[in-house]
Amino acid sequence: MFGDMMGMMGILKETQAKVDATKKRLDTVMLQENSLDNLLSVTITANRLLKEININDSLLEDKEQLEDYLITTINKAIAQATNVNEAELAAVAKDGMPNIPGMDSLFK
């Protein structure tokens, strides 16, 4: 029993290391989201860190329109990054979990 517990702890430590490595790698995964008319684009990491905003000069003439574009496009980028982030981390966690009866149902 004690050996099983030690083995499980080792697997959990290894999984945590893989999760940490995945999080670090996701800092380098860049995602771009554009407004529907491509007048504004944002680049965000899969860890949801905003890296770049490109604004077409025509949007600078209308503050309210620019604010709306920023909110909509940034929120879409955050949603896209969250999907990638969660999928990657879930895959690593699922692969590294010890075989505990009933646990696999948590990842479906």
C-alpha atoms as a PDB file:
ATOM      1  CA  MET A   1       0.000   0.000   0.000  1.00  0.00           C
ATOM      2  CA  PHE A   2       2.776   2.439   0.978  1.00  0.00           C
ATOM      3  CA  GLY A   3       4.640   1.691  -2.263  1.00  0.00           C
ATOM      4  CA  ASP A   4       1.487   2.417  -4.249  1.00  0.00           C
ATOM      5  CA  MET A   5       1.138   5.752  -2.476  1.00  0.00           C
ATOM      6  CA  MET A   6       4.766   6.669  -3.177  1.00  0.00           C
ATOM      7  CA  GLY A   7       4.356   5.683  -6.814  1.00  0.00           C
ATOM      8  CA  MET A   8       1.210   7.783  -7.075  1.00  0.00           C
ATOM      9  CA  MET A   9       2.992  10.769  -5.515  1.00  0.00           C
ATOM     10  CA  GLY A  10       5.787  10.391  -8.058  1.00  0.00           C
ATOM     11  CA  ILE A  11       3.275  10.332 -10.913  1.00  0.00           C
ATOM     12  CA  LEU A  12       1.539  13.429  -9.538  1.00  0.00           C
ATOM     13  CA  LYS A  13       4.886  15.264  -9.255  1.00  0.00           C
ATOM     14  CA  GLU A  14       5.753  14.291 -12.813  1.00  0.00           C
ATOM     15  CA  THR A  15       2.324  15.466 -14.002  1.00  0.00           C
ATOM     16  CA  GLN A  16       2.782  18.804 -12.215  1.00  0.00           C
ATOM     17  CA  ALA A  17       6.136  19.244 -13.957  1.00  0.00           C
ATOM     18  CA  LYS A  18       4.452  18.526 -17.317  1.00  0.00           C
ATOM     19  CA  VAL A  19       1.670  21.029 -16.510  1.00  0.00           C
ATOM     20  CA  ASP A  20       4.274  23.671 -15.621  1.00  0.00           C
ATOM     21  CA  ALA A  21       6.171  22.981 -18.861  1.00  0.00           C
ATOM     22  CA  THR A  22       2.936  23.216 -20.844  1.00  0.00           C
ATOM     23  CA  LYS A  23       2.067  26.552 -19.218  1.00  0.00           C
ATOM     24  CA  LYS A  24       5.521  27.854 -20.132  1.00  0.00           C
ATOM     25  CA  ARG A  25       5.101  26.626 -23.727  1.00  0.00           C
ATOM     26  CA  LEU A  26       1.672  28.282 -23.966  1.00  0.00           C
ATOM     27  CA  ASP A  27       3.410  31.635 -23.369  1.00  0.00           C
ATOM     28  CA  THR A  28       4.931  31.151 -26.830  1.00  0.00           C
ATOM     29  CA  VAL A  29       1.692  30.151 -28.601  1.00  0.00           C
ATOM     30  CA  MET A  30       0.404  33.294 -30.307  1.00  0.00           C
ATOM     31  CA  LEU A  31      -3.215  33.603 -31.387  1.00  0.00           C
ATOM     32  CA  GLN A  32      -4.579  36.395 -33.541  1.00  0.00           C
ATOM     33  CA  GLU A  33      -8.153  37.630 -33.552  1.00  0.00           C
ATOM     34  CA  ASN A  34      -9.503  40.152 -36.057  1.00  0.00           C
ATOM     35  CA  SER A  35     -12.588  42.306 -36.139  1.00  0.00           C
ATOM     36  CA  LEU A  36     -15.082  41.186 -38.796  1.00  0.00           C
ATOM     37  CA  ASP A  37     -13.895  43.881 -41.211  1.00  0.00           C
ATOM     38  CA  ASN A  38     -10.204  43.400 -40.299  1.00  0.00           C
ATOM     39  CA  LEU A  39      -9.831  47.018 -39.148  1.00  0.00           C
ATOM     40  CA  LEU A  40      -8.552  45.855 -35.777  1.00  0.00           C
ATOM     41  CA  SER A  41      -6.514  42.841 -34.741  1.00  0.00           C
ATOM     42  CA  VAL A  42      -5.118  41.626 -31.454  1.00  0.00           C
ATOM     43  CA  THR A  43      -2.440  39.064 -30.722  1.00  0.00           C
ATOM     44  CA  ILE A  44      -2.637  37.134 -27.457  1.00  0.00           C
ATOM     45  CA  THR A  45      -0.738  34.211 -25.971  1.00  0.00           C
ATOM     46  CA  ALA A  46      -2.518  30.989 -25.108  1.00  0.00           C
ATOM     47  CA  ASN A  47      -1.932  32.042 -21.486  1.00  0.00           C
ATOM     48  CA  ARG A  48      -4.129  35.098 -22.178  1.00  0.00           C
ATOM     49  CA  LEU A  49      -1.398  37.737 -22.196  1.00  0.00           C
ATOM     50  CA  LEU A  50      -2.159  40.481 -24.706  1.00  0.00           C
ATOM     51  CA  LYS A  51       0.892  41.042 -26.924  1.00  0.00           C
ATOM     52  CA  GLU A  52      -0.167  43.368 -29.726  1.00  0.00           C
ATOM     53  CA  ILE A  53      -3.037  45.524 -30.938  1.00  0.00           C
ATOM     54  CA  ASN A  54      -3.210  46.810 -34.521  1.00  0.00           C
ATOM     55  CA  ILE A  55      -5.738  49.556 -35.245  1.00  0.00           C
ATOM     56  CA  ASN A  56      -6.606  50.837 -38.700  1.00  0.00           C
ATOM     57  CA  ASP A  57      -6.368  54.638 -38.797  1.00  0.00           C
ATOM     58  CA  SER A  58     -10.026  54.926 -39.840  1.00  0.00           C
ATOM     59  CA  LEU A  59     -11.036  53.692 -36.371  1.00  0.00           C
ATOM     60  CA  LEU A  60      -9.219  56.575 -34.700  1.00  0.00           C
ATOM     61  CA  GLU A  61     -11.899  59.015 -35.824  1.00  0.00           C
ATOM     62  CA  ASP A  62     -14.674  57.503 -33.676  1.00  0.00           C
ATOM     63  CA  LYS A  63     -13.767  56.833 -30.037  1.00  0.00           C
ATOM     64  CA  GLU A  64     -16.951  54.875 -29.240  1.00  0.00           C
ATOM     65  CA  GLN A  65     -16.590  52.659 -32.293  1.00  0.00           C
ATOM     66  CA  LEU A  66     -12.936  51.985 -31.429  1.00  0.00           C
ATOM     67  CA  GLU A  67     -13.863  51.082 -27.847  1.00  0.00           C
ATOM     68  CA  ASP A  68     -16.555  48.690 -29.111  1.00  0.00           C
ATOM     69  CA  TYR A  69     -14.082  47.088 -31.536  1.00  0.00           C
ATOM     70  CA  LEU A  70     -11.497  46.667 -28.784  1.00  0.00           C
ATOM     71  CA  ILE A  71     -13.945  45.101 -26.334  1.00  0.00           C
ATOM     72  CA  THR A  72     -15.413  42.704 -28.885  1.00  0.00           C
ATOM     73  CA  THR A  73     -12.121  41.647 -30.463  1.00  0.00           C
ATOM     74  CA  ILE A  74     -10.204  41.310 -27.195  1.00  0.00           C
ATOM     75  CA  ASN A  75     -13.013  39.252 -25.649  1.00  0.00           C
ATOM     76  CA  LYS A  76     -13.012  36.936 -28.688  1.00  0.00           C
ATOM     77  CA  ALA A  77      -9.227  36.593 -28.402  1.00  0.00           C
ATOM     78  CA  ILE A  78      -9.455  35.789 -24.680  1.00  0.00           C
ATOM     79  CA  ALA A  79     -12.117  33.141 -25.380  1.00  0.00           C
ATOM     80  CA  GLN A  80      -9.965  31.588 -28.114  1.00  0.00           C
ATOM     81  CA  ALA A  81      -6.885  31.583 -25.856  1.00  0.00           C
ATOM     82  CA  THR A  82      -8.876  30.092 -22.973  1.00  0.00           C
ATOM     83  CA  ASN A  83     -10.086  27.233 -25.189  1.00  0.00           C
ATOM     84  CA  VAL A  84      -6.535  26.420 -26.306  1.00  0.00           C
ATOM     85  CA  ASN A  85      -5.170  26.773 -22.770  1.00  0.00           C
ATOM     86  CA  GLU A  86      -7.793  24.554 -21.154  1.00  0.00           C
ATOM     87  CA  ALA A  87      -7.559  21.882 -23.848  1.00  0.00           C
ATOM     88  CA  GLU A  88      -3.759  21.693 -23.588  1.00  0.00           C
ATOM     89  CA  LEU A  89      -3.704  21.563 -19.781  1.00  0.00           C
ATOM     90  CA  ALA A  90      -6.540  19.035 -19.609  1.00  0.00           C
ATOM     91  CA  ALA A  91      -4.697  16.759 -22.042  1.00  0.00           C
ATOM     92  CA  VAL A  92      -1.514  16.887 -19.945  1.00  0.00           C
ATOM     93  CA  ALA A  93      -3.389  16.358 -16.684  1.00  0.00           C
ATOM     94  CA  LYS A  94      -5.416  13.447 -18.066  1.00  0.00           C
ATOM     95  CA  ASP A  95      -2.335  11.699 -19.479  1.00  0.00           C
ATOM     96  CA  GLY A  96      -0.475  12.040 -16.200  1.00  0.00           C
ATOM     97  CA  MET A  97      -3.148  11.039 -13.729  1.00  0.00           C
ATOM     98  CA  PRO A  98      -2.712   7.737 -11.923  1.00  0.00           C
ATOM     99  CA  ASN A  99      -5.339   5.113 -12.716  1.00  0.00           C
ATOM    100  CA  ILE A 100      -7.830   5.775  -9.914  1.00  0.00           C
ATOM    101  CA  PRO A 101     -11.251   4.199 -10.418  1.00  0.00           C
ATOM    102  CA  GLY A 102     -13.806   6.841 -11.428  1.00  0.00           C
ATOM    103  CA  MET A 103     -11.227   9.587 -12.094  1.00  0.00           C
ATOM    104  CA  ASP A 104     -11.362   9.283 -15.876  1.00  0.00           C
ATOM    105  CA  SER A 105     -15.018  10.314 -15.834  1.00  0.00           C
ATOM    106  CA  LEU A 106     -13.885  13.760 -14.635  1.00  0.00           C
ATOM    107  CA  PHE A 107     -12.109  14.360 -17.947  1.00  0.00           C
ATOM    108  CA  LYS A 108     -14.946  13.517 -20.327  1.00  0.00           C
END
